[in-house]
Amino acid sequence: AVAVIAKPKLGLRDFLNDSSAELVSAVRA
């Protein structure tokens, strides 16, 4: 695997929304 995105057990929806830029950047990389 080339990268890791962390996700919590709780508050998943808010966390993923807040991490949108990180996720998209990781995909581009």
PDB file of all heavy atoms in Angstrom:
ATOM      1  N   ALA A   1       0.841  -1.202   0.000  1.00  0.00           N
ATOM      2  CA  ALA A   1       0.000   0.000   0.000  1.00  0.00           C
ATOM      3  C   ALA A   1       0.872   1.246   0.000  1.00  0.00           C
ATOM      4  O   ALA A   1       1.951   1.260   0.599  1.00  0.00           O
ATOM      5  CB  ALA A   1      -0.925   0.001   1.214  1.00  0.00           C
ATOM      6  N   VAL A   2       0.420   2.300  -0.667  1.00  0.00           N
ATOM      7  CA  VAL A   2       1.262   3.485  -0.817  1.00  0.00           C
ATOM      8  C   VAL A   2       0.935   4.607   0.162  1.00  0.00           C
ATOM      9  O   VAL A   2       1.735   5.519   0.350  1.00  0.00           O
ATOM     10  CB  VAL A   2       1.201   4.036  -2.260  1.00  0.00           C
ATOM     11  CG1 VAL A   2       1.718   3.001  -3.243  1.00  0.00           C
ATOM     12  CG2 VAL A   2      -0.208   4.477  -2.638  1.00  0.00           C
ATOM     13  N   ALA A   3      -0.230   4.564   0.779  1.00  0.00           N
ATOM     14  CA  ALA A   3      -0.614   5.639   1.703  1.00  0.00           C
ATOM     15  C   ALA A   3      -1.704   5.126   2.634  1.00  0.00           C
ATOM     16  O   ALA A   3      -2.320   4.080   2.390  1.00  0.00           O
ATOM     17  CB  ALA A   3      -1.104   6.869   0.948  1.00  0.00           C
ATOM     18  N   VAL A   4      -1.945   5.890   3.708  1.00  0.00           N
ATOM     19  CA  VAL A   4      -2.977   5.515   4.665  1.00  0.00           C
ATOM     20  C   VAL A   4      -3.790   6.746   5.037  1.00  0.00           C
ATOM     21  O   VAL A   4      -3.242   7.826   5.266  1.00  0.00           O
ATOM     22  CB  VAL A   4      -2.381   4.864   5.930  1.00  0.00           C
ATOM     23  CG1 VAL A   4      -1.335   5.758   6.570  1.00  0.00           C
ATOM     24  CG2 VAL A   4      -3.468   4.523   6.950  1.00  0.00           C
ATOM     25  N   ILE A   5      -5.093   6.596   5.063  1.00  0.00           N
ATOM     26  CA  ILE A   5      -6.023   7.619   5.544  1.00  0.00           C
ATOM     27  C   ILE A   5      -6.685   7.054   6.796  1.00  0.00           C
ATOM     28  O   ILE A   5      -7.234   5.945   6.764  1.00  0.00           O
ATOM     29  CB  ILE A   5      -7.098   7.960   4.492  1.00  0.00           C
ATOM     30  CG1 ILE A   5      -6.458   8.510   3.221  1.00  0.00           C
ATOM     31  CG2 ILE A   5      -8.114   8.951   5.067  1.00  0.00           C
ATOM     32  CD1 ILE A   5      -5.806   9.857   3.390  1.00  0.00           C
ATOM     33  N   ALA A   6      -6.607   7.791   7.895  1.00  0.00           N
ATOM     34  CA  ALA A   6      -7.181   7.308   9.145  1.00  0.00           C
ATOM     35  C   ALA A   6      -8.657   7.668   9.234  1.00  0.00           C
ATOM     36  O   ALA A   6      -9.091   8.721   8.781  1.00  0.00           O
ATOM     37  CB  ALA A   6      -6.430   7.917  10.322  1.00  0.00           C
ATOM     38  N   LYS A   7      -9.433   6.767   9.835  1.00  0.00           N
ATOM     39  CA  LYS A   7     -10.844   7.063  10.099  1.00  0.00           C
ATOM     40  C   LYS A   7     -11.169   6.623  11.516  1.00  0.00           C
ATOM     41  O   LYS A   7     -10.708   5.569  11.966  1.00  0.00           O
ATOM     42  CB  LYS A   7     -11.759   6.377   9.085  1.00  0.00           C
ATOM     43  CG  LYS A   7     -11.700   4.853   9.096  1.00  0.00           C
ATOM     44  CD  LYS A   7     -12.630   4.248   8.056  1.00  0.00           C
ATOM     45  CE  LYS A   7     -12.586   2.730   8.093  1.00  0.00           C
ATOM     46  NZ  LYS A   7     -13.427   2.105   7.071  1.00  0.00           N
ATOM     47  N   PRO A   8     -11.945   7.421  12.259  1.00  0.00           N
ATOM     48  CA  PRO A   8     -12.284   7.062  13.636  1.00  0.00           C
ATOM     49  C   PRO A   8     -13.464   6.098  13.669  1.00  0.00           C
ATOM     50  O   PRO A   8     -14.143   5.896  12.672  1.00  0.00           O
ATOM     51  CB  PRO A   8     -12.675   8.409  14.245  1.00  0.00           C
ATOM     52  CG  PRO A   8     -13.297   9.135  13.090  1.00  0.00           C
ATOM     53  CD  PRO A   8     -12.528   8.700  11.858  1.00  0.00           C
ATOM     54  N   LYS A   9     -13.674   5.507  14.856  1.00  0.00           N
ATOM     55  CA  LYS A   9     -14.835   4.630  15.007  1.00  0.00           C
ATOM     56  C   LYS A   9     -16.127   5.435  15.105  1.00  0.00           C
ATOM     57  O   LYS A   9     -17.181   5.004  14.666  1.00  0.00           O
ATOM     58  CB  LYS A   9     -14.677   3.767  16.266  1.00  0.00           C
ATOM     59  CG  LYS A   9     -13.708   2.598  16.092  1.00  0.00           C
ATOM     60  CD  LYS A   9     -13.776   1.683  17.303  1.00  0.00           C
ATOM     61  CE  LYS A   9     -13.028   0.385  17.058  1.00  0.00           C
ATOM     62  NZ  LYS A   9     -13.143  -0.539  18.203  1.00  0.00           N
ATOM     63  N   LEU A  10     -16.030   6.627  15.719  1.00  0.00           N
ATOM     64  CA  LEU A  10     -17.216   7.461  15.922  1.00  0.00           C
ATOM     65  C   LEU A  10     -17.071   8.762  15.131  1.00  0.00           C
ATOM     66  O   LEU A  10     -15.967   9.189  14.802  1.00  0.00           O
ATOM     67  CB  LEU A  10     -17.384   7.773  17.412  1.00  0.00           C
ATOM     68  CG  LEU A  10     -17.526   6.556  18.342  1.00  0.00           C
ATOM     69  CD1 LEU A  10     -17.575   7.000  19.791  1.00  0.00           C
ATOM     70  CD2 LEU A  10     -18.779   5.753  17.986  1.00  0.00           C
ATOM     71  N   GLY A  11     -18.183   9.400  14.852  1.00  0.00           N
ATOM     72  CA  GLY A  11     -18.149  10.669  14.137  1.00  0.00           C
ATOM     73  C   GLY A  11     -17.602  10.535  12.735  1.00  0.00           C
ATOM     74  O   GLY A  11     -16.915  11.415  12.226  1.00  0.00           O
ATOM     75  N   LEU A  12     -17.918   9.415  12.089  1.00  0.00           N
ATOM     76  CA  LEU A  12     -17.304   9.093  10.804  1.00  0.00           C
ATOM     77  C   LEU A  12     -17.676  10.085   9.715  1.00  0.00           C
ATOM     78  O   LEU A  12     -16.820  10.543   8.950  1.00  0.00           O
ATOM     79  CB  LEU A  12     -17.727   7.677  10.397  1.00  0.00           C
ATOM     80  CG  LEU A  12     -17.077   7.081   9.165  1.00  0.00           C
ATOM     81  CD1 LEU A  12     -15.571   7.037   9.329  1.00  0.00           C
ATOM     82  CD2 LEU A  12     -17.622   5.678   8.907  1.00  0.00           C
ATOM     83  N   ARG A  13     -18.936  10.442   9.644  1.00  0.00           N
ATOM     84  CA  ARG A  13     -19.375  11.329   8.567  1.00  0.00           C
ATOM     85  C   ARG A  13     -18.660  12.682   8.640  1.00  0.00           C
ATOM     86  O   ARG A  13     -18.130  13.165   7.635  1.00  0.00           O
ATOM     87  CB  ARG A  13     -20.890  11.538   8.632  1.00  0.00           C
ATOM     88  CG  ARG A  13     -21.440  12.398   7.502  1.00  0.00           C
ATOM     89  CD  ARG A  13     -22.955  12.547   7.630  1.00  0.00           C
ATOM     90  NE  ARG A  13     -23.647  11.287   7.443  1.00  0.00           N
ATOM     91  CZ  ARG A  13     -24.027  10.833   6.251  1.00  0.00           C
ATOM     92  NH1 ARG A  13     -23.758  11.535   5.158  1.00  0.00           N
ATOM     93  NH2 ARG A  13     -24.665   9.698   6.164  1.00  0.00           N
ATOM     94  N   ASP A  14     -18.623  13.301   9.831  1.00  0.00           N
ATOM     95  CA  ASP A  14     -17.958  14.600   9.979  1.00  0.00           C
ATOM     96  C   ASP A  14     -16.463  14.480   9.697  1.00  0.00           C
ATOM     97  O   ASP A  14     -15.854  15.341   9.061  1.00  0.00           O
ATOM     98  CB  ASP A  14     -18.166  15.161  11.389  1.00  0.00           C
ATOM     99  CG  ASP A  14     -19.598  15.612  11.619  1.00  0.00           C
ATOM    100  OD1 ASP A  14     -20.316  15.829  10.618  1.00  0.00           O
ATOM    101  OD2 ASP A  14     -19.989  15.750  12.796  1.00  0.00           O
ATOM    102  N   PHE A  15     -15.867  13.406  10.177  1.00  0.00           N
ATOM    103  CA  PHE A  15     -14.430  13.214   9.978  1.00  0.00           C
ATOM    104  C   PHE A  15     -14.099  13.106   8.493  1.00  0.00           C
ATOM    105  O   PHE A  15     -13.174  13.739   7.997  1.00  0.00           O
ATOM    106  CB  PHE A  15     -13.961  11.960  10.708  1.00  0.00           C
ATOM    107  CG  PHE A  15     -12.487  11.689  10.540  1.00  0.00           C
ATOM    108  CD1 PHE A  15     -11.564  12.293  11.380  1.00  0.00           C
ATOM    109  CD2 PHE A  15     -12.027  10.841   9.544  1.00  0.00           C
ATOM    110  CE1 PHE A  15     -10.205  12.056  11.221  1.00  0.00           C
ATOM    111  CE2 PHE A  15     -10.677  10.590   9.382  1.00  0.00           C
ATOM    112  CZ  PHE A  15      -9.763  11.202  10.225  1.00  0.00           C
ATOM    113  N   LEU A  16     -14.856  12.290   7.772  1.00  0.00           N
ATOM    114  CA  LEU A  16     -14.585  12.109   6.355  1.00  0.00           C
ATOM    115  C   LEU A  16     -14.800  13.398   5.575  1.00  0.00           C
ATOM    116  O   LEU A  16     -14.045  13.718   4.661  1.00  0.00           O
ATOM    117  CB  LEU A  16     -15.454  10.986   5.789  1.00  0.00           C
ATOM    118  CG  LEU A  16     -15.066   9.570   6.235  1.00  0.00           C
ATOM    119  CD1 LEU A  16     -16.104   8.565   5.770  1.00  0.00           C
ATOM    120  CD2 LEU A  16     -13.693   9.194   5.718  1.00  0.00           C
ATOM    121  N   ASN A  17     -15.821  14.158   5.935  1.00  0.00           N
ATOM    122  CA  ASN A  17     -16.037  15.445   5.279  1.00  0.00           C
ATOM    123  C   ASN A  17     -14.866  16.389   5.538  1.00  0.00           C
ATOM    124  O   ASN A  17     -14.399  17.085   4.637  1.00  0.00           O
ATOM    125  CB  ASN A  17     -17.350  16.077   5.754  1.00  0.00           C
ATOM    126  CG  ASN A  17     -18.570  15.432   5.118  1.00  0.00           C
ATOM    127  OD1 ASN A  17     -18.519  15.039   3.963  1.00  0.00           O
ATOM    128  ND2 ASN A  17     -19.654  15.322   5.864  1.00  0.00           N
ATOM    129  N   ASP A  18     -14.368  16.414   6.793  1.00  0.00           N
ATOM    130  CA  ASP A  18     -13.234  17.269   7.139  1.00  0.00           C
ATOM    131  C   ASP A  18     -11.957  16.817   6.432  1.00  0.00           C
ATOM    132  O   ASP A  18     -11.046  17.611   6.205  1.00  0.00           O
ATOM    133  CB  ASP A  18     -13.000  17.276   8.660  1.00  0.00           C
ATOM    134  CG  ASP A  18     -14.117  17.983   9.416  1.00  0.00           C
ATOM    135  OD1 ASP A  18     -14.875  18.737   8.773  1.00  0.00           O
ATOM    136  OD2 ASP A  18     -14.228  17.763  10.632  1.00  0.00           O
ATOM    137  N   SER A  19     -11.864  15.534   6.104  1.00  0.00           N
ATOM    138  CA  SER A  19     -10.655  14.970   5.499  1.00  0.00           C
ATOM    139  C   SER A  19     -10.727  14.908   3.982  1.00  0.00           C
ATOM    140  O   SER A  19      -9.901  14.259   3.345  1.00  0.00           O
ATOM    141  CB  SER A  19     -10.414  13.558   6.051  1.00  0.00           C
ATOM    142  OG  SER A  19     -10.269  13.581   7.448  1.00  0.00           O
ATOM    143  N   SER A  20     -11.690  15.592   3.400  1.00  0.00           N
ATOM    144  CA  SER A  20     -11.878  15.521   1.957  1.00  0.00           C
ATOM    145  C   SER A  20     -10.623  15.910   1.186  1.00  0.00           C
ATOM    146  O   SER A  20     -10.197  15.214   0.260  1.00  0.00           O
ATOM    147  CB  SER A  20     -13.041  16.431   1.542  1.00  0.00           C
ATOM    148  OG  SER A  20     -13.160  16.486   0.141  1.00  0.00           O
ATOM    149  N   ALA A  21      -9.996  17.034   1.580  1.00  0.00           N
ATOM    150  CA  ALA A  21      -8.800  17.506   0.865  1.00  0.00           C
ATOM    151  C   ALA A  21      -7.670  16.488   0.961  1.00  0.00           C
ATOM    152  O   ALA A  21      -6.966  16.214  -0.017  1.00  0.00           O
ATOM    153  CB  ALA A  21      -8.354  18.854   1.423  1.00  0.00           C
ATOM    154  N   GLU A  22      -7.505  15.892   2.149  1.00  0.00           N
ATOM    155  CA  GLU A  22      -6.441  14.912   2.342  1.00  0.00           C
ATOM    156  C   GLU A  22      -6.678  13.682   1.476  1.00  0.00           C
ATOM    157  O   GLU A  22      -5.745  13.158   0.847  1.00  0.00           O
ATOM    158  CB  GLU A  22      -6.374  14.495   3.813  1.00  0.00           C
ATOM    159  CG  GLU A  22      -5.286  13.474   4.112  1.00  0.00           C
ATOM    160  CD  GLU A  22      -5.329  12.957   5.543  1.00  0.00           C
ATOM    161  OE1 GLU A  22      -6.244  13.348   6.291  1.00  0.00           O
ATOM    162  OE2 GLU A  22      -4.442  12.158   5.895  1.00  0.00           O
ATOM    163  N   LEU A  23      -7.904  13.212   1.425  1.00  0.00           N
ATOM    164  CA  LEU A  23      -8.223  12.027   0.646  1.00  0.00           C
ATOM    165  C   LEU A  23      -7.996  12.271  -0.843  1.00  0.00           C
ATOM    166  O   LEU A  23      -7.373  11.455  -1.536  1.00  0.00           O
ATOM    167  CB  LEU A  23      -9.667  11.611   0.900  1.00  0.00           C
ATOM    168  CG  LEU A  23     -10.181  10.435   0.063  1.00  0.00           C
ATOM    169  CD1 LEU A  23      -9.387   9.179   0.358  1.00  0.00           C
ATOM    170  CD2 LEU A  23     -11.666  10.205   0.331  1.00  0.00           C
ATOM    171  N   VAL A  24      -8.502  13.387  -1.339  1.00  0.00           N
ATOM    172  CA  VAL A  24      -8.350  13.685  -2.770  1.00  0.00           C
ATOM    173  C   VAL A  24      -6.878  13.860  -3.125  1.00  0.00           C
ATOM    174  O   VAL A  24      -6.408  13.376  -4.160  1.00  0.00           O
ATOM    175  CB  VAL A  24      -9.177  14.929  -3.150  1.00  0.00           C
ATOM    176  CG1 VAL A  24      -8.875  15.366  -4.579  1.00  0.00           C
ATOM    177  CG2 VAL A  24     -10.663  14.641  -2.995  1.00  0.00           C
ATOM    178  N   SER A  25      -6.122  14.530  -2.260  1.00  0.00           N
ATOM    179  CA  SER A  25      -4.685  14.694  -2.501  1.00  0.00           C
ATOM    180  C   SER A  25      -3.976  13.342  -2.530  1.00  0.00           C
ATOM    181  O   SER A  25      -3.083  13.107  -3.345  1.00  0.00           O
ATOM    182  CB  SER A  25      -4.055  15.591  -1.432  1.00  0.00           C
ATOM    183  OG  SER A  25      -4.540  16.904  -1.522  1.00  0.00           O
ATOM    184  N   ALA A  26      -4.378  12.440  -1.623  1.00  0.00           N
ATOM    185  CA  ALA A  26      -3.769  11.105  -1.579  1.00  0.00           C
ATOM    186  C   ALA A  26      -4.061  10.338  -2.861  1.00  0.00           C
ATOM    187  O   ALA A  26      -3.188   9.631  -3.384  1.00  0.00           O
ATOM    188  CB  ALA A  26      -4.282  10.341  -0.363  1.00  0.00           C
ATOM    189  N   VAL A  27      -5.270  10.465  -3.384  1.00  0.00           N
ATOM    190  CA  VAL A  27      -5.626   9.788  -4.634  1.00  0.00           C
ATOM    191  C   VAL A  27      -4.810  10.347  -5.791  1.00  0.00           C
ATOM    192  O   VAL A  27      -4.281   9.597  -6.629  1.00  0.00           O
ATOM    193  CB  VAL A  27      -7.139   9.918  -4.906  1.00  0.00           C
ATOM    194  CG1 VAL A  27      -7.469   9.487  -6.338  1.00  0.00           C
ATOM    195  CG2 VAL A  27      -7.933   9.086  -3.917  1.00  0.00           C
ATOM    196  N   ARG A  28      -4.662  11.666  -5.832  1.00  0.00           N
ATOM    197  CA  ARG A  28      -3.869  12.279  -6.906  1.00  0.00           C
ATOM    198  C   ARG A  28      -2.416  11.818  -6.820  1.00  0.00           C
ATOM    199  O   ARG A  28      -1.778  11.547  -7.842  1.00  0.00           O
ATOM    200  CB  ARG A  28      -3.936  13.801  -6.813  1.00  0.00           C
ATOM    201  CG  ARG A  28      -5.320  14.390  -7.073  1.00  0.00           C
ATOM    202  CD  ARG A  28      -5.245  15.914  -7.151  1.00  0.00           C
ATOM    203  NE  ARG A  28      -6.550  16.535  -7.073  1.00  0.00           N
ATOM    204  CZ  ARG A  28      -7.428  16.592  -8.073  1.00  0.00           C
ATOM    205  NH1 ARG A  28      -7.123  16.046  -9.227  1.00  0.00           N
ATOM    206  NH2 ARG A  28      -8.596  17.183  -7.903  1.00  0.00           N
ATOM    207  N   ALA A  29      -1.887  11.746  -5.593  1.00  0.00           N
ATOM    208  CA  ALA A  29      -0.508  11.286  -5.409  1.00  0.00           C
ATOM    209  C   ALA A  29      -0.370   9.831  -5.838  1.00  0.00           C
ATOM    210  O   ALA A  29       0.592   9.460  -6.527  1.00  0.00           O
ATOM    211  CB  ALA A  29      -0.087  11.451  -3.955  1.00  0.00           C
TER     212      ALA A  29
END
